[in-house]
Amino acid sequence: MKSVYVGSDHAGYGLKEFMKPYIAGLGYEVVDSGCFSEGSCDYPNFAHNVCKNVRNNAENLGILICGTGIGMSMAANRFKGIRAALCANEYQARMSKAHNNANVLCLGSRVIGQDLALSIIQVWLESEFEGGRHQRRVDLIESL
């Protein structure tokens, strides 16, 4: 069973809790990497918790949530081997996997609603990397 590591800050906590059973229902093991309340906290810590587990096993995926998704995506992309994509719709989610082989999905809880978030998550989890010419570009990203 593939694992999906989920993490959020206080702003994303509610959406993280809402989406966990949905992801499990799609057949994934959900590993909650924090935060564990709506108390103010620092999002880079939770990006680190998720990204270290995604980076250590190519089968793992990650989902990070903060208010806008911007901070989480910036923090996640600091880790070698992480290709985090901030997505606000299904098309971005599909293309982030198909063309960029994104292994971390970032969402903004104050930008999208719960139903849209679930739809984005499902599309992202079901999408596959196309490889081919896109592999060359992913390799270039990894070489930076």
N, C-alpha and C. Protein backbone atom coordinates (compact mmCIF):
# COMPACT_ATOMS: atom_id res chain seq x y z
N MET A 1 0.85 -1.18 0.00
CA MET A 1 0.00 0.00 0.00
C MET A 1 0.89 1.24 0.00
N LYS A 2 0.62 2.17 -0.89
CA LYS A 2 1.36 3.42 -0.94
C LYS A 2 0.97 4.30 0.23
N SER A 3 1.95 5.06 0.71
CA SER A 3 1.70 5.99 1.82
C SER A 3 1.61 7.41 1.30
N VAL A 4 0.69 8.17 1.88
CA VAL A 4 0.58 9.60 1.64
C VAL A 4 0.82 10.29 2.97
N TYR A 5 1.90 11.05 3.04
CA TYR A 5 2.23 11.82 4.24
C TYR A 5 1.54 13.17 4.11
N VAL A 6 0.77 13.52 5.12
CA VAL A 6 0.04 14.78 5.10
C VAL A 6 0.54 15.68 6.22
N GLY A 7 0.61 16.96 5.93
CA GLY A 7 1.05 17.92 6.93
C GLY A 7 0.40 19.27 6.68
N SER A 8 0.26 20.01 7.75
CA SER A 8 -0.34 21.34 7.63
C SER A 8 0.16 22.23 8.75
N ASP A 9 -0.10 23.51 8.58
CA ASP A 9 0.04 24.42 9.71
C ASP A 9 -1.35 24.62 10.30
N HIS A 10 -1.48 25.58 11.22
CA HIS A 10 -2.76 25.82 11.87
C HIS A 10 -3.86 26.20 10.88
N ALA A 11 -3.51 26.96 9.84
CA ALA A 11 -4.51 27.39 8.86
C ALA A 11 -5.02 26.22 8.03
N GLY A 12 -4.20 25.23 7.81
CA GLY A 12 -4.60 24.08 7.01
C GLY A 12 -5.10 22.91 7.81
N TYR A 13 -5.08 23.01 9.12
CA TYR A 13 -5.44 21.89 9.99
C TYR A 13 -6.83 21.32 9.69
N GLY A 14 -7.82 22.17 9.58
CA GLY A 14 -9.18 21.70 9.33
C GLY A 14 -9.31 20.94 8.02
N LEU A 15 -8.70 21.44 6.96
CA LEU A 15 -8.75 20.75 5.68
C LEU A 15 -7.99 19.44 5.75
N LYS A 16 -6.87 19.42 6.44
CA LYS A 16 -6.09 18.18 6.58
C LYS A 16 -6.94 17.11 7.26
N GLU A 17 -7.59 17.47 8.33
CA GLU A 17 -8.43 16.51 9.05
C GLU A 17 -9.59 16.03 8.18
N PHE A 18 -10.15 16.94 7.39
CA PHE A 18 -11.27 16.61 6.51
C PHE A 18 -10.87 15.63 5.42
N MET A 19 -9.67 15.79 4.87
CA MET A 19 -9.27 14.98 3.71
C MET A 19 -8.70 13.62 4.07
N LYS A 20 -8.23 13.42 5.28
CA LYS A 20 -7.58 12.16 5.65
C LYS A 20 -8.45 10.93 5.40
N PRO A 21 -9.71 10.91 5.84
CA PRO A 21 -10.52 9.71 5.57
C PRO A 21 -10.78 9.50 4.08
N TYR A 22 -10.86 10.58 3.33
CA TYR A 22 -11.09 10.48 1.89
C TYR A 22 -9.91 9.80 1.21
N ILE A 23 -8.70 10.21 1.57
CA ILE A 23 -7.49 9.62 0.99
C ILE A 23 -7.39 8.14 1.38
N ALA A 24 -7.69 7.84 2.62
CA ALA A 24 -7.68 6.44 3.07
C ALA A 24 -8.69 5.62 2.27
N GLY A 25 -9.83 6.21 1.98
CA GLY A 25 -10.85 5.54 1.18
C GLY A 25 -10.44 5.26 -0.25
N LEU A 26 -9.44 5.99 -0.73
CA LEU A 26 -8.90 5.75 -2.07
C LEU A 26 -7.86 4.65 -2.06
N GLY A 27 -7.59 4.09 -0.87
CA GLY A 27 -6.68 2.96 -0.78
C GLY A 27 -5.26 3.28 -0.38
N TYR A 28 -5.04 4.44 0.20
CA TYR A 28 -3.70 4.84 0.63
C TYR A 28 -3.59 4.79 2.15
N GLU A 29 -2.40 4.49 2.61
CA GLU A 29 -2.11 4.66 4.03
C GLU A 29 -1.85 6.14 4.25
N VAL A 30 -2.56 6.75 5.18
CA VAL A 30 -2.39 8.17 5.48
C VAL A 30 -1.55 8.29 6.74
N VAL A 31 -0.44 9.04 6.62
CA VAL A 31 0.44 9.25 7.76
C VAL A 31 0.40 10.74 8.09
N ASP A 32 -0.15 11.07 9.24
CA ASP A 32 -0.28 12.46 9.66
C ASP A 32 1.02 12.93 10.28
N SER A 33 1.63 13.92 9.65
CA SER A 33 2.92 14.45 10.09
C SER A 33 2.78 15.79 10.80
N GLY A 34 1.57 16.10 11.27
CA GLY A 34 1.32 17.34 12.00
C GLY A 34 0.85 18.44 11.07
N CYS A 35 0.42 19.50 11.64
CA CYS A 35 0.25 19.82 13.05
C CYS A 35 -0.99 19.09 13.59
N PHE A 36 -1.17 19.20 14.89
CA PHE A 36 -2.22 18.42 15.52
C PHE A 36 -3.27 19.26 16.24
N SER A 37 -3.31 20.57 15.92
CA SER A 37 -4.34 21.45 16.48
C SER A 37 -4.37 22.74 15.66
N GLU A 38 -5.29 23.60 15.99
CA GLU A 38 -5.39 24.89 15.32
C GLU A 38 -4.53 25.96 16.00
N GLY A 39 -3.72 25.57 16.96
CA GLY A 39 -2.82 26.51 17.62
C GLY A 39 -1.74 26.99 16.67
N SER A 40 -1.37 28.23 16.77
CA SER A 40 -0.38 28.83 15.88
C SER A 40 0.91 28.00 15.87
N CYS A 41 1.44 27.77 14.67
CA CYS A 41 2.66 26.98 14.51
C CYS A 41 3.40 27.42 13.24
N ASP A 42 4.56 26.87 13.03
CA ASP A 42 5.42 27.26 11.91
C ASP A 42 5.41 26.19 10.82
N TYR A 43 4.89 26.54 9.65
CA TYR A 43 4.71 25.59 8.56
C TYR A 43 5.99 24.91 8.08
N PRO A 44 7.17 25.55 8.10
CA PRO A 44 8.35 24.83 7.59
C PRO A 44 8.65 23.53 8.35
N ASN A 45 8.31 23.48 9.63
CA ASN A 45 8.54 22.26 10.40
C ASN A 45 7.73 21.08 9.84
N PHE A 46 6.52 21.34 9.41
CA PHE A 46 5.66 20.27 8.91
C PHE A 46 6.00 19.93 7.47
N ALA A 47 6.47 20.91 6.72
CA ALA A 47 6.98 20.61 5.38
C ALA A 47 8.16 19.67 5.50
N HIS A 48 9.03 19.92 6.45
CA HIS A 48 10.19 19.06 6.68
C HIS A 48 9.75 17.64 7.04
N ASN A 49 8.78 17.51 7.96
CA ASN A 49 8.30 16.20 8.37
C ASN A 49 7.80 15.38 7.18
N VAL A 50 7.06 16.01 6.30
CA VAL A 50 6.52 15.31 5.14
C VAL A 50 7.61 15.03 4.11
N CYS A 51 8.39 16.03 3.78
CA CYS A 51 9.37 15.89 2.69
C CYS A 51 10.46 14.87 2.99
N LYS A 52 10.88 14.75 4.23
CA LYS A 52 11.93 13.76 4.53
C LYS A 52 11.41 12.35 4.28
N ASN A 53 10.13 12.10 4.52
CA ASN A 53 9.56 10.78 4.27
C ASN A 53 9.30 10.53 2.79
N VAL A 54 8.93 11.54 2.06
CA VAL A 54 8.73 11.39 0.62
C VAL A 54 10.08 11.17 -0.06
N ARG A 55 11.07 11.91 0.36
CA ARG A 55 12.40 11.82 -0.24
C ARG A 55 13.05 10.46 0.03
N ASN A 56 12.75 9.85 1.15
CA ASN A 56 13.38 8.59 1.54
C ASN A 56 12.78 7.36 0.87
N ASN A 57 11.63 7.52 0.20
CA ASN A 57 10.99 6.38 -0.46
C ASN A 57 10.22 6.90 -1.66
N ALA A 58 10.65 6.52 -2.85
CA ALA A 58 10.05 7.02 -4.09
C ALA A 58 8.58 6.63 -4.22
N GLU A 59 8.12 5.65 -3.47
CA GLU A 59 6.71 5.25 -3.52
C GLU A 59 5.81 6.19 -2.72
N ASN A 60 6.39 6.92 -1.77
CA ASN A 60 5.62 7.81 -0.92
C ASN A 60 5.25 9.08 -1.65
N LEU A 61 4.13 9.65 -1.27
CA LEU A 61 3.69 10.95 -1.76
C LEU A 61 3.40 11.84 -0.56
N GLY A 62 3.31 13.15 -0.80
CA GLY A 62 3.03 14.07 0.28
C GLY A 62 1.99 15.09 -0.11
N ILE A 63 1.23 15.54 0.87
CA ILE A 63 0.28 16.64 0.69
C ILE A 63 0.49 17.61 1.83
N LEU A 64 0.70 18.88 1.48
CA LEU A 64 0.94 19.94 2.46
C LEU A 64 -0.09 21.03 2.30
N ILE A 65 -0.59 21.55 3.42
CA ILE A 65 -1.64 22.56 3.39
C ILE A 65 -1.30 23.69 4.35
N CYS A 66 -1.40 24.90 3.84
CA CYS A 66 -1.36 26.09 4.69
C CYS A 66 -2.46 27.02 4.19
N GLY A 67 -2.49 28.24 4.62
CA GLY A 67 -3.56 29.15 4.23
C GLY A 67 -3.65 29.37 2.73
N THR A 68 -2.52 29.66 2.09
CA THR A 68 -2.50 29.89 0.65
C THR A 68 -1.85 28.75 -0.12
N GLY A 69 -1.07 27.93 0.55
CA GLY A 69 -0.29 26.89 -0.11
C GLY A 69 1.07 27.38 -0.56
N ILE A 70 1.27 28.69 -0.58
CA ILE A 70 2.51 29.27 -1.07
C ILE A 70 3.68 28.96 -0.14
N GLY A 71 3.50 29.20 1.14
CA GLY A 71 4.58 28.95 2.09
C GLY A 71 5.00 27.50 2.10
N MET A 72 4.03 26.59 2.11
CA MET A 72 4.35 25.16 2.10
C MET A 72 5.10 24.78 0.82
N SER A 73 4.67 25.32 -0.32
CA SER A 73 5.35 24.96 -1.58
C SER A 73 6.77 25.51 -1.60
N MET A 74 6.96 26.69 -1.08
CA MET A 74 8.31 27.27 -1.03
C MET A 74 9.21 26.43 -0.12
N ALA A 75 8.70 26.06 1.04
CA ALA A 75 9.49 25.26 1.98
C ALA A 75 9.79 23.88 1.40
N ALA A 76 8.79 23.23 0.84
CA ALA A 76 8.96 21.87 0.32
C ALA A 76 9.98 21.83 -0.81
N ASN A 77 9.96 22.81 -1.67
CA ASN A 77 10.87 22.79 -2.82
C ASN A 77 12.31 23.10 -2.47
N ARG A 78 12.59 23.36 -1.22
CA ARG A 78 13.97 23.53 -0.76
C ARG A 78 14.67 22.19 -0.58
N PHE A 79 13.91 21.10 -0.55
CA PHE A 79 14.46 19.78 -0.31
C PHE A 79 14.83 19.10 -1.63
N LYS A 80 16.06 18.65 -1.72
CA LYS A 80 16.50 17.91 -2.91
C LYS A 80 15.62 16.68 -3.07
N GLY A 81 15.19 16.44 -4.29
CA GLY A 81 14.36 15.28 -4.58
C GLY A 81 12.87 15.53 -4.43
N ILE A 82 12.50 16.71 -3.95
CA ILE A 82 11.09 17.05 -3.81
C ILE A 82 10.67 17.95 -4.96
N ARG A 83 9.56 17.59 -5.57
CA ARG A 83 8.96 18.40 -6.62
C ARG A 83 7.53 18.71 -6.17
N ALA A 84 7.41 19.83 -5.46
CA ALA A 84 6.12 20.22 -4.87
C ALA A 84 5.39 21.15 -5.82
N ALA A 85 4.09 20.89 -5.98
CA ALA A 85 3.27 21.70 -6.88
C ALA A 85 2.08 22.27 -6.11
N LEU A 86 1.94 23.58 -6.18
CA LEU A 86 0.78 24.26 -5.61
C LEU A 86 -0.32 24.23 -6.66
N CYS A 87 -1.41 23.57 -6.35
CA CYS A 87 -2.50 23.40 -7.32
C CYS A 87 -3.80 23.96 -6.77
N ALA A 88 -4.52 24.69 -7.63
CA ALA A 88 -5.80 25.27 -7.24
C ALA A 88 -6.94 24.72 -8.09
N ASN A 89 -6.62 23.78 -9.00
CA ASN A 89 -7.66 23.14 -9.80
C ASN A 89 -7.18 21.78 -10.29
N GLU A 90 -8.08 21.03 -10.86
CA GLU A 90 -7.79 19.68 -11.28
C GLU A 90 -6.78 19.63 -12.43
N TYR A 91 -6.86 20.59 -13.35
CA TYR A 91 -5.93 20.61 -14.48
C TYR A 91 -4.48 20.76 -13.99
N GLN A 92 -4.26 21.69 -13.07
CA GLN A 92 -2.91 21.86 -12.52
C GLN A 92 -2.45 20.58 -11.82
N ALA A 93 -3.35 19.93 -11.11
CA ALA A 93 -2.99 18.69 -10.41
C ALA A 93 -2.58 17.62 -11.41
N ARG A 94 -3.36 17.44 -12.46
CA ARG A 94 -3.06 16.43 -13.48
C ARG A 94 -1.71 16.72 -14.15
N MET A 95 -1.51 17.96 -14.54
CA MET A 95 -0.29 18.31 -15.26
C MET A 95 0.94 18.29 -14.35
N SER A 96 0.76 18.58 -13.07
CA SER A 96 1.91 18.55 -12.16
C SER A 96 2.47 17.14 -12.05
N LYS A 97 1.61 16.15 -12.17
CA LYS A 97 2.05 14.75 -12.16
C LYS A 97 2.52 14.33 -13.56
N ALA A 98 1.71 14.61 -14.57
CA ALA A 98 1.98 14.13 -15.93
C ALA A 98 3.28 14.69 -16.50
N HIS A 99 3.54 15.97 -16.29
CA HIS A 99 4.70 16.61 -16.90
C HIS A 99 5.85 16.86 -15.93
N ASN A 100 5.56 16.99 -14.63
CA ASN A 100 6.61 17.35 -13.67
C ASN A 100 6.89 16.28 -12.64
N ASN A 101 6.14 15.20 -12.67
CA ASN A 101 6.30 14.10 -11.72
C ASN A 101 6.31 14.62 -10.27
N ALA A 102 5.37 15.52 -9.98
CA ALA A 102 5.28 16.09 -8.63
C ALA A 102 5.07 14.98 -7.61
N ASN A 103 5.83 15.04 -6.53
CA ASN A 103 5.67 14.05 -5.47
C ASN A 103 5.08 14.65 -4.20
N VAL A 104 4.86 15.95 -4.21
CA VAL A 104 4.18 16.64 -3.11
C VAL A 104 3.16 17.60 -3.71
N LEU A 105 1.94 17.52 -3.22
CA LEU A 105 0.87 18.42 -3.61
C LEU A 105 0.68 19.44 -2.51
N CYS A 106 0.63 20.72 -2.87
CA CYS A 106 0.39 21.79 -1.90
C CYS A 106 -0.97 22.42 -2.19
N LEU A 107 -1.70 22.68 -1.13
CA LEU A 107 -3.04 23.26 -1.24
C LEU A 107 -3.17 24.45 -0.29
N GLY A 108 -4.00 25.40 -0.69
CA GLY A 108 -4.30 26.56 0.14
C GLY A 108 -5.71 26.45 0.71
N SER A 109 -5.81 26.24 2.00
CA SER A 109 -7.12 26.03 2.62
C SER A 109 -8.00 27.28 2.57
N ARG A 110 -7.39 28.46 2.45
CA ARG A 110 -8.15 29.70 2.38
C ARG A 110 -8.42 30.12 0.94
N VAL A 111 -7.98 29.29 0.00
CA VAL A 111 -8.10 29.61 -1.42
C VAL A 111 -9.13 28.71 -2.10
N ILE A 112 -9.18 27.45 -1.69
CA ILE A 112 -10.10 26.49 -2.30
C ILE A 112 -11.01 25.91 -1.21
N GLY A 113 -12.17 25.47 -1.61
CA GLY A 113 -13.10 24.84 -0.67
C GLY A 113 -12.80 23.36 -0.51
N GLN A 114 -13.50 22.74 0.42
CA GLN A 114 -13.26 21.34 0.74
C GLN A 114 -13.57 20.41 -0.44
N ASP A 115 -14.68 20.64 -1.12
CA ASP A 115 -15.04 19.76 -2.24
C ASP A 115 -14.02 19.85 -3.36
N LEU A 116 -13.59 21.05 -3.69
CA LEU A 116 -12.57 21.22 -4.72
C LEU A 116 -11.27 20.57 -4.28
N ALA A 117 -10.91 20.71 -3.03
CA ALA A 117 -9.68 20.09 -2.52
C ALA A 117 -9.71 18.58 -2.73
N LEU A 118 -10.84 17.94 -2.41
CA LEU A 118 -10.94 16.49 -2.59
C LEU A 118 -10.82 16.11 -4.06
N SER A 119 -11.42 16.89 -4.92
CA SER A 119 -11.34 16.62 -6.36
C SER A 119 -9.90 16.76 -6.87
N ILE A 120 -9.21 17.80 -6.42
CA ILE A 120 -7.80 18.00 -6.79
C ILE A 120 -6.97 16.83 -6.29
N ILE A 121 -7.18 16.42 -5.06
CA ILE A 121 -6.42 15.31 -4.47
C ILE A 121 -6.64 14.03 -5.28
N GLN A 122 -7.89 13.73 -5.60
CA GLN A 122 -8.17 12.51 -6.35
C GLN A 122 -7.49 12.52 -7.71
N VAL A 123 -7.61 13.62 -8.43
CA VAL A 123 -6.98 13.72 -9.75
C VAL A 123 -5.47 13.57 -9.62
N TRP A 124 -4.89 14.23 -8.63
CA TRP A 124 -3.43 14.18 -8.45
C TRP A 124 -2.96 12.76 -8.13
N LEU A 125 -3.67 12.10 -7.23
CA LEU A 125 -3.28 10.74 -6.85
C LEU A 125 -3.45 9.75 -8.00
N GLU A 126 -4.44 9.97 -8.85
CA GLU A 126 -4.70 9.04 -9.96
C GLU A 126 -3.87 9.32 -11.20
N SER A 127 -3.28 10.51 -11.30
CA SER A 127 -2.51 10.87 -12.49
C SER A 127 -1.15 10.17 -12.49
N GLU A 128 -0.63 9.93 -13.68
CA GLU A 128 0.65 9.25 -13.84
C GLU A 128 1.62 10.15 -14.59
N PHE A 129 2.89 10.00 -14.29
CA PHE A 129 3.95 10.72 -15.00
C PHE A 129 4.07 10.15 -16.41
N GLU A 130 4.13 11.02 -17.40
CA GLU A 130 4.20 10.60 -18.80
C GLU A 130 5.61 10.23 -19.24
N GLY A 131 6.62 10.65 -18.51
CA GLY A 131 8.00 10.34 -18.89
C GLY A 131 8.36 10.99 -20.22
N GLY A 132 9.13 10.27 -21.05
CA GLY A 132 9.51 10.79 -22.35
C GLY A 132 10.26 12.10 -22.24
N ARG A 133 9.85 13.08 -23.04
CA ARG A 133 10.53 14.38 -23.05
C ARG A 133 10.45 15.07 -21.69
N HIS A 134 9.44 14.72 -20.91
CA HIS A 134 9.28 15.34 -19.60
C HIS A 134 10.34 14.84 -18.61
N GLN A 135 10.82 13.62 -18.80
CA GLN A 135 11.86 13.09 -17.92
C GLN A 135 13.12 13.94 -18.02
N ARG A 136 13.46 14.37 -19.22
CA ARG A 136 14.64 15.21 -19.41
C ARG A 136 14.52 16.50 -18.58
N ARG A 137 13.34 17.05 -18.55
CA ARG A 137 13.12 18.30 -17.80
C ARG A 137 13.15 18.07 -16.29
N VAL A 138 12.59 16.96 -15.86
CA VAL A 138 12.66 16.62 -14.43
C VAL A 138 14.10 16.40 -14.03
N ASP A 139 14.87 15.73 -14.90
CA ASP A 139 16.29 15.52 -14.62
C ASP A 139 17.04 16.85 -14.51
N LEU A 140 16.68 17.80 -15.34
CA LEU A 140 17.30 19.14 -15.26
C LEU A 140 16.97 19.82 -13.93
N ILE A 141 15.72 19.70 -13.51
CA ILE A 141 15.34 20.27 -12.21
C ILE A 141 16.18 19.63 -11.11
N GLU A 142 16.30 18.33 -11.14
CA GLU A 142 17.04 17.61 -10.11
C GLU A 142 18.52 17.97 -10.11
N SER A 143 19.04 18.40 -11.24
CA SER A 143 20.47 18.73 -11.32
C SER A 143 20.78 20.13 -10.80
N LEU A 144 19.77 20.93 -10.56
CA LEU A 144 20.00 22.31 -10.10
C LEU A 144 20.59 22.33 -8.70
